[in-house]
Amino acid sequence: MYSIETENLTKRYGDFIAVDHVSFQVEKGEIFGLLGPNGAGKTTTIKMLTGLTPPSDGDALVAGFSIRKDPIEVKKRIGWISSEVILDDDLTAWENLEIQARLTGVKNWKDRANDLLRYFGILEFKDRRTGKFSTGMRKKLEVSMALLNSPEVIFMDEPTIGLDVNTRASMWNLIREINRDYQVTILLTTHYMEEADSLCSRIGIINKGKIIAFGSPEELKAKYGGDIIEIELKNPSKTISLENAAINNNKVRVKVNSAELALMDIIKAIGNENIKSVRINKSSLDTVFINLTGGSIEEQDFDARKFYAMIRRARR
């Protein structure tokens, strides 16, 4: 049984296609990830699924309701955690929860709010202004607010962006716990490879608005993985004859079954005198993305100024 079913979901801004006929299903109770670089279409997809922006084409069922025909029914059954801070720092935790209850139409919310704050270990701070909360406490309160209306599905848009390593690890544990204890389906977007690998039972890799691969982390690594040897050249203009090599500016990437066995032959073929540095990426979601697109997530070209200027023009 699916909590989310999308079919040819598309979003256009003028001539620009932000999300291009995306189709996937999210099973009830799973943690599903949309993995891709900035500007890939992750946030736009979530905005359509949560009713914040209408699709240009296609449709989706969320908790059994169409985002086109029944957006209000969809909103009643979902929770949402933005990549941006949604708390009012001048209000207490309790006051933030009260506003959330009123916005989502939750009646008799106080018992539920107390239970959530107790579950996350911040009940004793409910009368403290959230501006004085630590980053971890703020995240716990945001999750409490997302769970207040007992949602069937929670959408998390880049939930750990900007967090330090320790807080990010704590957030991962929190996501696993609420998925288990509250039996809630979670769709999260991320550009962190290790986050998707650690949390998600299945992943859709999205790039330039399209889903380019789909499956569990293990399935994706088995199908598209392999080791990647990346060599930075001193003289990129020098001719290189090397099988299965992708050359981009001053970098050469070679996909091999075993980096340890192939490295010396590759160095010999390129010439030691032309090698500035060598980097080995063992089979991972990062190598999956490199093999699918020819570059790492960090290297994908995304000009935020041009993107948002395009959207503003399209809305006029």
C-alpha atoms as a PDB file:
ATOM      1  CA  MET A   1       0.000   0.000   0.000  1.00  0.00           C
ATOM      2  CA  TYR A   2       1.317   3.423  -0.969  1.00  0.00           C
ATOM      3  CA  SER A   3       1.250   6.630   1.063  1.00  0.00           C
ATOM      4  CA  ILE A   4       2.392   8.662  -1.960  1.00  0.00           C
ATOM      5  CA  GLU A   5       1.867   7.965  -5.659  1.00  0.00           C
ATOM      6  CA  THR A   6       3.027  10.471  -8.242  1.00  0.00           C
ATOM      7  CA  GLU A   7       2.329  10.231 -11.960  1.00  0.00           C
ATOM      8  CA  ASN A   8       4.067  12.498 -14.471  1.00  0.00           C
ATOM      9  CA  LEU A   9       4.306  15.270 -11.873  1.00  0.00           C
ATOM     10  CA  THR A  10       5.547  18.372 -13.636  1.00  0.00           C
ATOM     11  CA  LYS A  11       6.197  21.999 -12.723  1.00  0.00           C
ATOM     12  CA  ARG A  12       6.990  24.697 -15.259  1.00  0.00           C
ATOM     13  CA  TYR A  13       7.994  28.289 -14.704  1.00  0.00           C
ATOM     14  CA  GLY A  14       7.594  29.832 -18.131  1.00  0.00           C
ATOM     15  CA  ASP A  15       9.899  27.871 -20.441  1.00  0.00           C
ATOM     16  CA  PHE A  16      11.856  26.405 -17.553  1.00  0.00           C
ATOM     17  CA  ILE A  17      10.891  22.919 -16.364  1.00  0.00           C
ATOM     18  CA  ALA A  18      11.766  22.587 -12.671  1.00  0.00           C
ATOM     19  CA  VAL A  19      10.225  19.109 -12.290  1.00  0.00           C
ATOM     20  CA  ASP A  20       9.901  16.997 -15.412  1.00  0.00           C
ATOM     21  CA  HIS A  21       7.250  14.218 -15.460  1.00  0.00           C
ATOM     22  CA  VAL A  22       8.314  12.609 -12.197  1.00  0.00           C
ATOM     23  CA  SER A  23       6.672   9.296 -11.246  1.00  0.00           C
ATOM     24  CA  PHE A  24       7.373   7.267  -8.109  1.00  0.00           C
ATOM     25  CA  GLN A  25       5.626   5.556  -5.189  1.00  0.00           C
ATOM     26  CA  VAL A  26       6.338   5.687  -1.468  1.00  0.00           C
ATOM     27  CA  GLU A  27       5.232   2.692   0.554  1.00  0.00           C
ATOM     28  CA  LYS A  28       3.290   3.173   3.767  1.00  0.00           C
ATOM     29  CA  GLY A  29       5.600   3.402   6.767  1.00  0.00           C
ATOM     30  CA  GLU A  30       8.888   3.757   4.912  1.00  0.00           C
ATOM     31  CA  ILE A  31      11.536   6.461   4.893  1.00  0.00           C
ATOM     32  CA  PHE A  32      11.932   7.507   1.266  1.00  0.00           C
ATOM     33  CA  GLY A  33      14.589   9.903   0.019  1.00  0.00           C
ATOM     34  CA  LEU A  34      14.845  12.280  -2.908  1.00  0.00           C
ATOM     35  CA  LEU A  35      18.576  12.706  -3.424  1.00  0.00           C
ATOM     36  CA  GLY A  36      20.045  15.335  -5.683  1.00  0.00           C
ATOM     37  CA  PRO A  37      22.031  18.576  -5.952  1.00  0.00           C
ATOM     38  CA  ASN A  38      20.698  22.057  -5.278  1.00  0.00           C
ATOM     39  CA  GLY A  39      18.320  23.058  -8.055  1.00  0.00           C
ATOM     40  CA  ALA A  40      17.498  19.458  -8.996  1.00  0.00           C
ATOM     41  CA  GLY A  41      13.768  19.874  -8.271  1.00  0.00           C
ATOM     42  CA  LYS A  42      13.569  18.358  -4.789  1.00  0.00           C
ATOM     43  CA  THR A  43      11.957  21.298  -2.982  1.00  0.00           C
ATOM     44  CA  THR A  44       9.604  22.015  -5.894  1.00  0.00           C
ATOM     45  CA  THR A  45       8.430  18.398  -5.759  1.00  0.00           C
ATOM     46  CA  ILE A  46       7.701  18.692  -2.032  1.00  0.00           C
ATOM     47  CA  LYS A  47       5.880  21.981  -2.549  1.00  0.00           C
ATOM     48  CA  MET A  48       3.568  20.301  -5.050  1.00  0.00           C
ATOM     49  CA  LEU A  49       2.992  17.264  -2.815  1.00  0.00           C
ATOM     50  CA  THR A  50       2.137  19.466   0.171  1.00  0.00           C
ATOM     51  CA  GLY A  51      -0.206  21.731  -1.779  1.00  0.00           C
ATOM     52  CA  LEU A  52       2.000  24.811  -1.600  1.00  0.00           C
ATOM     53  CA  THR A  53       2.192  25.102  -5.369  1.00  0.00           C
ATOM     54  CA  PRO A  54      -0.026  23.485  -8.024  1.00  0.00           C
ATOM     55  CA  PRO A  55       1.505  21.131 -10.597  1.00  0.00           C
ATOM     56  CA  SER A  56       1.600  22.201 -14.214  1.00  0.00           C
ATOM     57  CA  ASP A  57       0.899  18.636 -15.349  1.00  0.00           C
ATOM     58  CA  GLY A  58       0.395  15.245 -13.762  1.00  0.00           C
ATOM     59  CA  ASP A  59      -1.027  14.440 -10.366  1.00  0.00           C
ATOM     60  CA  ALA A  60      -0.205  12.709  -7.098  1.00  0.00           C
ATOM     61  CA  LEU A  61      -2.109  10.886  -4.395  1.00  0.00           C
ATOM     62  CA  VAL A  62      -0.969  11.683  -0.854  1.00  0.00           C
ATOM     63  CA  ALA A  63      -2.610   9.645   1.920  1.00  0.00           C
ATOM     64  CA  GLY A  64      -5.147   8.590  -0.708  1.00  0.00           C
ATOM     65  CA  PHE A  65      -6.166  12.084  -1.863  1.00  0.00           C
ATOM     66  CA  SER A  66      -5.346  13.946  -5.061  1.00  0.00           C
ATOM     67  CA  ILE A  67      -3.190  17.049  -4.690  1.00  0.00           C
ATOM     68  CA  ARG A  68      -5.190  18.561  -7.580  1.00  0.00           C
ATOM     69  CA  LYS A  69      -8.742  17.640  -6.554  1.00  0.00           C
ATOM     70  CA  ASP A  70      -8.486  17.469  -2.751  1.00  0.00           C
ATOM     71  CA  PRO A  71      -5.544  19.638  -1.585  1.00  0.00           C
ATOM     72  CA  ILE A  72      -7.313  20.515   1.684  1.00  0.00           C
ATOM     73  CA  GLU A  73      -7.774  16.830   2.552  1.00  0.00           C
ATOM     74  CA  VAL A  74      -4.096  16.258   1.764  1.00  0.00           C
ATOM     75  CA  LYS A  75      -3.021  19.061   4.104  1.00  0.00           C
ATOM     76  CA  LYS A  76      -5.065  17.588   6.950  1.00  0.00           C
ATOM     77  CA  ARG A  77      -3.068  14.361   6.746  1.00  0.00           C
ATOM     78  CA  ILE A  78       0.494  15.585   6.407  1.00  0.00           C
ATOM     79  CA  GLY A  79       3.210  17.243   8.439  1.00  0.00           C
ATOM     80  CA  TRP A  80       5.992  19.377   6.997  1.00  0.00           C
ATOM     81  CA  ILE A  81       9.461  20.322   8.188  1.00  0.00           C
ATOM     82  CA  SER A  82      11.101  23.034   6.117  1.00  0.00           C
ATOM     83  CA  SER A  83      14.805  23.501   5.550  1.00  0.00           C
ATOM     84  CA  GLU A  84      14.230  27.026   6.865  1.00  0.00           C
ATOM     85  CA  VAL A  85      13.426  27.833  10.493  1.00  0.00           C
ATOM     86  CA  ILE A  86       9.666  28.054  11.033  1.00  0.00           C
ATOM     87  CA  LEU A  87       9.699  28.840  14.763  1.00  0.00           C
ATOM     88  CA  ASP A  88       8.857  32.239  16.215  1.00  0.00           C
ATOM     89  CA  ASP A  89      11.774  32.966  18.524  1.00  0.00           C
ATOM     90  CA  ASP A  90       9.795  35.536  20.515  1.00  0.00           C
ATOM     91  CA  LEU A  91       7.210  32.908  21.503  1.00  0.00           C
ATOM     92  CA  THR A  92       7.547  29.996  23.894  1.00  0.00           C
ATOM     93  CA  ALA A  93       7.547  26.396  22.721  1.00  0.00           C
ATOM     94  CA  TRP A  94       3.969  26.059  23.954  1.00  0.00           C
ATOM     95  CA  GLU A  95       2.845  29.167  22.089  1.00  0.00           C
ATOM     96  CA  ASN A  96       4.464  27.885  18.871  1.00  0.00           C
ATOM     97  CA  LEU A  97       2.555  24.645  19.275  1.00  0.00           C
ATOM     98  CA  GLU A  98      -0.700  26.510  19.886  1.00  0.00           C
ATOM     99  CA  ILE A  99      -0.292  28.483  16.664  1.00  0.00           C
ATOM    100  CA  GLN A 100       0.435  25.252  14.798  1.00  0.00           C
ATOM    101  CA  ALA A 101      -2.715  23.681  16.268  1.00  0.00           C
ATOM    102  CA  ARG A 102      -4.857  26.619  15.141  1.00  0.00           C
ATOM    103  CA  LEU A 103      -3.356  26.658  11.643  1.00  0.00           C
ATOM    104  CA  THR A 104      -3.940  22.935  11.160  1.00  0.00           C
ATOM    105  CA  GLY A 105      -7.341  22.875  12.857  1.00  0.00           C
ATOM    106  CA  VAL A 106      -6.333  20.483  15.641  1.00  0.00           C
ATOM    107  CA  LYS A 107      -8.831  20.552  18.501  1.00  0.00           C
ATOM    108  CA  ASN A 108      -8.045  19.296  22.003  1.00  0.00           C
ATOM    109  CA  TRP A 109      -4.376  19.611  21.113  1.00  0.00           C
ATOM    110  CA  LYS A 110      -2.933  20.176  24.584  1.00  0.00           C
ATOM    111  CA  ASP A 111      -2.679  16.531  25.652  1.00  0.00           C
ATOM    112  CA  ARG A 112      -1.069  15.663  22.332  1.00  0.00           C
ATOM    113  CA  ALA A 113       1.394  18.558  22.690  1.00  0.00           C
ATOM    114  CA  ASN A 114       2.348  17.511  26.221  1.00  0.00           C
ATOM    115  CA  ASP A 115       2.919  13.929  25.076  1.00  0.00           C
ATOM    116  CA  LEU A 116       5.117  15.047  22.186  1.00  0.00           C
ATOM    117  CA  LEU A 117       7.223  17.384  24.305  1.00  0.00           C
ATOM    118  CA  ARG A 118       7.641  14.623  26.869  1.00  0.00           C
ATOM    119  CA  TYR A 119       8.611  12.132  24.166  1.00  0.00           C
ATOM    120  CA  PHE A 120      11.316  14.457  22.855  1.00  0.00           C
ATOM    121  CA  GLY A 121      12.565  15.350  26.339  1.00  0.00           C
ATOM    122  CA  ILE A 122      11.765  19.065  26.208  1.00  0.00           C
ATOM    123  CA  LEU A 123       8.539  19.243  28.257  1.00  0.00           C
ATOM    124  CA  GLU A 124      10.252  21.139  31.069  1.00  0.00           C
ATOM    125  CA  PHE A 125      11.164  23.891  28.588  1.00  0.00           C
ATOM    126  CA  LYS A 126       7.681  24.438  27.157  1.00  0.00           C
ATOM    127  CA  ASP A 127       7.410  27.934  28.700  1.00  0.00           C
ATOM    128  CA  ARG A 128      10.836  29.057  27.514  1.00  0.00           C
ATOM    129  CA  ARG A 129      11.168  31.289  24.455  1.00  0.00           C
ATOM    130  CA  THR A 130      12.438  29.275  21.512  1.00  0.00           C
ATOM    131  CA  GLY A 131      15.039  31.923  20.748  1.00  0.00           C
ATOM    132  CA  LYS A 132      16.945  30.527  23.735  1.00  0.00           C
ATOM    133  CA  PHE A 133      16.729  26.904  22.549  1.00  0.00           C
ATOM    134  CA  SER A 134      19.764  24.985  21.333  1.00  0.00           C
ATOM    135  CA  THR A 135      19.776  23.816  17.717  1.00  0.00           C
ATOM    136  CA  GLY A 136      18.865  20.281  18.792  1.00  0.00           C
ATOM    137  CA  MET A 137      15.950  21.499  20.917  1.00  0.00           C
ATOM    138  CA  ARG A 138      14.673  23.629  18.041  1.00  0.00           C
ATOM    139  CA  LYS A 139      14.676  20.609  15.722  1.00  0.00           C
ATOM    140  CA  LYS A 140      12.775  18.563  18.315  1.00  0.00           C
ATOM    141  CA  LEU A 141      10.168  21.296  18.614  1.00  0.00           C
ATOM    142  CA  GLU A 142       9.812  21.519  14.826  1.00  0.00           C
ATOM    143  CA  VAL A 143       9.239  17.765  14.669  1.00  0.00           C
ATOM    144  CA  SER A 144       6.706  18.055  17.506  1.00  0.00           C
ATOM    145  CA  MET A 145       4.817  20.663  15.523  1.00  0.00           C
ATOM    146  CA  ALA A 146       4.860  18.454  12.410  1.00  0.00           C
ATOM    147  CA  LEU A 147       3.419  15.547  14.426  1.00  0.00           C
ATOM    148  CA  LEU A 148       0.777  17.579  16.262  1.00  0.00           C
ATOM    149  CA  ASN A 149      -2.038  16.764  13.816  1.00  0.00           C
ATOM    150  CA  SER A 150      -1.202  13.002  13.854  1.00  0.00           C
ATOM    151  CA  PRO A 151      -0.164  12.987  10.181  1.00  0.00           C
ATOM    152  CA  GLU A 152       0.059   9.921   7.977  1.00  0.00           C
ATOM    153  CA  VAL A 153       2.966  11.423   6.043  1.00  0.00           C
ATOM    154  CA  ILE A 154       5.722  13.842   7.049  1.00  0.00           C
ATOM    155  CA  PHE A 155       7.697  15.763   4.443  1.00  0.00           C
ATOM    156  CA  MET A 156      11.200  16.854   5.456  1.00  0.00           C
ATOM    157  CA  ASP A 157      12.965  19.262   3.107  1.00  0.00           C
ATOM    158  CA  GLU A 158      16.732  19.110   3.743  1.00  0.00           C
ATOM    159  CA  PRO A 159      16.104  18.485   7.483  1.00  0.00           C
ATOM    160  CA  THR A 160      19.781  18.535   8.516  1.00  0.00           C
ATOM    161  CA  ILE A 161      21.162  21.273   6.288  1.00  0.00           C
ATOM    162  CA  GLY A 162      23.529  23.567   8.164  1.00  0.00           C
ATOM    163  CA  LEU A 163      23.771  21.318  11.236  1.00  0.00           C
ATOM    164  CA  ASP A 164      27.062  20.246  12.758  1.00  0.00           C
ATOM    165  CA  VAL A 165      28.050  16.581  12.631  1.00  0.00           C
ATOM    166  CA  ASN A 166      26.818  15.706  16.137  1.00  0.00           C
ATOM    167  CA  THR A 167      23.452  17.466  15.759  1.00  0.00           C
ATOM    168  CA  ARG A 168      22.991  15.865  12.345  1.00  0.00           C
ATOM    169  CA  ALA A 169      23.573  12.394  13.815  1.00  0.00           C
ATOM    170  CA  SER A 170      21.043  13.170  16.575  1.00  0.00           C
ATOM    171  CA  MET A 171      18.517  14.267  13.950  1.00  0.00           C
ATOM    172  CA  TRP A 172      19.028  11.000  12.054  1.00  0.00           C
ATOM    173  CA  ASN A 173      18.218   9.053  15.223  1.00  0.00           C
ATOM    174  CA  LEU A 174      15.163  11.246  15.752  1.00  0.00           C
ATOM    175  CA  ILE A 175      13.891  10.537  12.236  1.00  0.00           C
ATOM    176  CA  ARG A 176      14.286   6.783  12.737  1.00  0.00           C
ATOM    177  CA  GLU A 177      12.513   6.939  16.104  1.00  0.00           C
ATOM    178  CA  ILE A 178       9.448   8.844  14.926  1.00  0.00           C
ATOM    179  CA  ASN A 179       9.169   6.601  11.866  1.00  0.00           C
ATOM    180  CA  ARG A 180       9.159   3.568  14.184  1.00  0.00           C
ATOM    181  CA  ASP A 181       7.206   4.861  17.174  1.00  0.00           C
ATOM    182  CA  TYR A 182       4.585   6.939  15.369  1.00  0.00           C
ATOM    183  CA  GLN A 183       4.260   4.662  12.316  1.00  0.00           C
ATOM    184  CA  VAL A 184       4.509   7.682  10.039  1.00  0.00           C
ATOM    185  CA  THR A 185       5.703   7.630   6.434  1.00  0.00           C
ATOM    186  CA  ILE A 186       8.594  10.044   5.819  1.00  0.00           C
ATOM    187  CA  LEU A 187       9.682  11.595   2.548  1.00  0.00           C
ATOM    188  CA  LEU A 188      12.871  13.586   2.913  1.00  0.00           C
ATOM    189  CA  THR A 189      15.004  15.483   0.454  1.00  0.00           C
ATOM    190  CA  THR A 190      18.747  15.693   0.835  1.00  0.00           C
ATOM    191  CA  HIS A 191      21.975  16.308  -1.020  1.00  0.00           C
ATOM    192  CA  TYR A 192      23.976  14.427   1.625  1.00  0.00           C
ATOM    193  CA  MET A 193      24.907  11.002   0.266  1.00  0.00           C
ATOM    194  CA  GLU A 194      25.553   9.490   3.691  1.00  0.00           C
ATOM    195  CA  GLU A 195      22.191  10.745   4.954  1.00  0.00           C
ATOM    196  CA  ALA A 196      20.250   9.011   2.199  1.00  0.00           C
ATOM    197  CA  ASP A 197      22.331   5.851   2.596  1.00  0.00           C
ATOM    198  CA  SER A 198      21.849   5.755   6.362  1.00  0.00           C
ATOM    199  CA  LEU A 199      18.153   6.630   6.613  1.00  0.00           C
ATOM    200  CA  CYS A 200      16.289   5.643   3.483  1.00  0.00           C
ATOM    201  CA  SER A 201      14.923   2.237   2.557  1.00  0.00           C
ATOM    202  CA  ARG A 202      14.517   3.486  -1.022  1.00  0.00           C
ATOM    203  CA  ILE A 203      15.843   6.475  -2.926  1.00  0.00           C
ATOM    204  CA  GLY A 204      14.944   8.406  -6.037  1.00  0.00           C
ATOM    205  CA  ILE A 205      17.968  10.198  -7.480  1.00  0.00           C
ATOM    206  CA  ILE A 206      16.799  13.421  -9.099  1.00  0.00           C
ATOM    207  CA  ASN A 207      18.859  15.644 -11.376  1.00  0.00           C
ATOM    208  CA  LYS A 208      17.742  18.567 -13.526  1.00  0.00           C
ATOM    209  CA  GLY A 209      14.107  17.858 -12.717  1.00  0.00           C
ATOM    210  CA  LYS A 210      14.121  14.174 -13.661  1.00  0.00           C
ATOM    211  CA  ILE A 211      14.319  10.946 -11.680  1.00  0.00           C
ATOM    212  CA  ILE A 212      17.392   9.251 -13.159  1.00  0.00           C
ATOM    213  CA  ALA A 213      17.562   6.219 -10.858  1.00  0.00           C
ATOM    214  CA  PHE A 214      15.352   4.522  -8.307  1.00  0.00           C
ATOM    215  CA  GLY A 215      15.808   1.753  -5.743  1.00  0.00           C
ATOM    216  CA  SER A 216      17.276   0.840  -2.375  1.00  0.00           C
ATOM    217  CA  PRO A 217      20.811   2.091  -1.602  1.00  0.00           C
ATOM    218  CA  GLU A 218      22.079  -1.473  -2.039  1.00  0.00           C
ATOM    219  CA  GLU A 219      20.304  -1.902  -5.390  1.00  0.00           C
ATOM    220  CA  LEU A 220      21.627   1.410  -6.699  1.00  0.00           C
ATOM    221  CA  LYS A 221      25.201   0.645  -5.649  1.00  0.00           C
ATOM    222  CA  ALA A 222      25.015  -2.825  -7.171  1.00  0.00           C
ATOM    223  CA  LYS A 223      23.632  -1.523 -10.487  1.00  0.00           C
ATOM    224  CA  TYR A 224      25.454   1.786 -10.915  1.00  0.00           C
ATOM    225  CA  GLY A 225      28.310   1.542  -8.431  1.00  0.00           C
ATOM    226  CA  GLY A 226      31.917   0.433  -8.704  1.00  0.00           C
ATOM    227  CA  ASP A 227      35.028   2.275  -7.577  1.00  0.00           C
ATOM    228  CA  ILE A 228      35.935   5.639  -9.056  1.00  0.00           C
ATOM    229  CA  ILE A 229      39.554   6.719  -9.478  1.00  0.00           C
ATOM    230  CA  GLU A 230      39.753  10.490  -9.833  1.00  0.00           C
ATOM    231  CA  ILE A 231      43.022  12.021 -10.989  1.00  0.00           C
ATOM    232  CA  GLU A 232      43.769  15.726 -11.132  1.00  0.00           C
ATOM    233  CA  LEU A 233      46.113  16.583 -13.979  1.00  0.00           C
ATOM    234  CA  LYS A 234      48.984  19.030 -14.069  1.00  0.00           C
ATOM    235  CA  ASN A 235      48.649  19.452 -17.833  1.00  0.00           C
ATOM    236  CA  PRO A 236      45.046  18.837 -18.973  1.00  0.00           C
ATOM    237  CA  SER A 237      45.894  19.618 -22.608  1.00  0.00           C
ATOM    238  CA  LYS A 238      48.064  16.521 -22.907  1.00  0.00           C
ATOM    239  CA  THR A 239      46.393  13.716 -24.859  1.00  0.00           C
ATOM    240  CA  ILE A 240      45.241  10.793 -22.713  1.00  0.00           C
ATOM    241  CA  SER A 241      44.335   7.379 -24.094  1.00  0.00           C
ATOM    242  CA  LEU A 242      42.443   5.504 -21.412  1.00  0.00           C
ATOM    243  CA  GLU A 243      39.406   3.233 -21.643  1.00  0.00           C
ATOM    244  CA  ASN A 244      36.260   4.067 -19.635  1.00  0.00           C
ATOM    245  CA  ALA A 245      37.698   7.473 -18.727  1.00  0.00           C
ATOM    246  CA  ALA A 246      35.625  10.641 -18.364  1.00  0.00           C
ATOM    247  CA  ILE A 247      37.677  13.805 -18.749  1.00  0.00           C
ATOM    248  CA  ASN A 248      36.299  17.079 -17.379  1.00  0.00           C
ATOM    249  CA  ASN A 249      38.609  20.101 -17.404  1.00  0.00           C
ATOM    250  CA  ASN A 250      41.670  19.008 -15.440  1.00  0.00           C
ATOM    251  CA  LYS A 251      40.140  15.867 -13.900  1.00  0.00           C
ATOM    252  CA  VAL A 252      40.044  12.313 -15.173  1.00  0.00           C
ATOM    253  CA  ARG A 253      37.550   9.847 -13.697  1.00  0.00           C
ATOM    254  CA  VAL A 254      37.783   6.138 -14.354  1.00  0.00           C
ATOM    255  CA  LYS A 255      35.226   3.577 -13.237  1.00  0.00           C
ATOM    256  CA  VAL A 256      36.758   0.244 -12.226  1.00  0.00           C
ATOM    257  CA  ASN A 257      35.706  -2.860 -10.334  1.00  0.00           C
ATOM    258  CA  SER A 258      38.631  -2.594  -7.907  1.00  0.00           C
ATOM    259  CA  ALA A 259      40.602   0.624  -7.471  1.00  0.00           C
ATOM    260  CA  GLU A 260      43.414  -1.221  -5.717  1.00  0.00           C
ATOM    261  CA  LEU A 261      43.990  -3.541  -8.673  1.00  0.00           C
ATOM    262  CA  ALA A 262      43.617  -0.905 -11.407  1.00  0.00           C
ATOM    263  CA  LEU A 263      45.395   2.107  -9.929  1.00  0.00           C
ATOM    264  CA  MET A 264      48.978   1.396 -11.006  1.00  0.00           C
ATOM    265  CA  ASP A 265      47.982   0.667 -14.621  1.00  0.00           C
ATOM    266  CA  ILE A 266      46.012   3.936 -14.784  1.00  0.00           C
ATOM    267  CA  ILE A 267      48.895   5.958 -13.361  1.00  0.00           C
ATOM    268  CA  LYS A 268      51.202   4.370 -15.917  1.00  0.00           C
ATOM    269  CA  ALA A 269      48.807   5.168 -18.772  1.00  0.00           C
ATOM    270  CA  ILE A 270      48.472   8.840 -17.771  1.00  0.00           C
ATOM    271  CA  GLY A 271      52.087   9.324 -16.775  1.00  0.00           C
ATOM    272  CA  ASN A 272      53.238  10.007 -13.265  1.00  0.00           C
ATOM    273  CA  GLU A 273      54.719  13.358 -14.297  1.00  0.00           C
ATOM    274  CA  ASN A 274      51.248  14.636 -15.291  1.00  0.00           C
ATOM    275  CA  ILE A 275      49.478  13.665 -12.054  1.00  0.00           C
ATOM    276  CA  LYS A 276      48.814  16.340  -9.469  1.00  0.00           C
ATOM    277  CA  SER A 277      46.653  14.277  -7.079  1.00  0.00           C
ATOM    278  CA  VAL A 278      44.810  10.963  -6.866  1.00  0.00           C
ATOM    279  CA  ARG A 279      41.522  10.311  -5.112  1.00  0.00           C
ATOM    280  CA  ILE A 280      39.697   6.998  -4.770  1.00  0.00           C
ATOM    281  CA  ASN A 281      35.939   6.834  -4.209  1.00  0.00           C
ATOM    282  CA  LYS A 282      34.865   3.370  -3.094  1.00  0.00           C
ATOM    283  CA  SER A 283      31.436   2.168  -4.201  1.00  0.00           C
ATOM    284  CA  SER A 284      28.849   4.445  -2.588  1.00  0.00           C
ATOM    285  CA  LEU A 285      25.912   6.617  -3.542  1.00  0.00           C
ATOM    286  CA  ASP A 286      28.468   9.268  -4.497  1.00  0.00           C
ATOM    287  CA  THR A 287      29.979   6.936  -7.103  1.00  0.00           C
ATOM    288  CA  VAL A 288      26.452   6.045  -8.238  1.00  0.00           C
ATOM    289  CA  PHE A 289      25.744   9.725  -8.882  1.00  0.00           C
ATOM    290  CA  ILE A 290      29.100  10.214 -10.635  1.00  0.00           C
ATOM    291  CA  ASN A 291      28.488   7.187 -12.858  1.00  0.00           C
ATOM    292  CA  LEU A 292      25.001   8.409 -13.760  1.00  0.00           C
ATOM    293  CA  THR A 293      25.838  12.069 -14.416  1.00  0.00           C
ATOM    294  CA  GLY A 294      29.598  12.258 -14.948  1.00  0.00           C
ATOM    295  CA  GLY A 295      30.086  14.551 -11.955  1.00  0.00           C
ATOM    296  CA  SER A 296      29.580  14.688  -8.216  1.00  0.00           C
ATOM    297  CA  ILE A 297      26.630  16.400  -6.565  1.00  0.00           C
ATOM    298  CA  GLU A 298      28.873  19.277  -5.495  1.00  0.00           C
ATOM    299  CA  GLU A 299      29.889  19.914  -9.103  1.00  0.00           C
ATOM    300  CA  GLN A 300      26.392  20.200 -10.537  1.00  0.00           C
ATOM    301  CA  ASP A 301      25.867  23.653 -11.945  1.00  0.00           C
ATOM    302  CA  PHE A 302      23.076  25.589 -10.227  1.00  0.00           C
ATOM    303  CA  ASP A 303      22.798  29.360 -10.428  1.00  0.00           C
ATOM    304  CA  ALA A 304      20.286  30.331  -7.739  1.00  0.00           C
ATOM    305  CA  ARG A 305      20.046  33.960  -8.945  1.00  0.00           C
ATOM    306  CA  LYS A 306      19.118  32.937 -12.481  1.00  0.00           C
ATOM    307  CA  PHE A 307      16.689  30.290 -11.209  1.00  0.00           C
ATOM    308  CA  TYR A 308      14.694  32.611  -8.948  1.00  0.00           C
ATOM    309  CA  ALA A 309      14.811  35.445 -11.489  1.00  0.00           C
ATOM    310  CA  MET A 310      13.286  33.023 -14.007  1.00  0.00           C
ATOM    311  CA  ILE A 311      10.518  32.095 -11.565  1.00  0.00           C
ATOM    312  CA  ARG A 312       9.725  35.760 -10.878  1.00  0.00           C
ATOM    313  CA  ARG A 313       9.459  36.489 -14.593  1.00  0.00           C
ATOM    314  CA  ALA A 314       7.211  33.463 -15.147  1.00  0.00           C
ATOM    315  CA  ARG A 315       4.810  34.602 -12.412  1.00  0.00           C
ATOM    316  CA  ARG A 316       4.251  38.065 -13.829  1.00  0.00           C
END
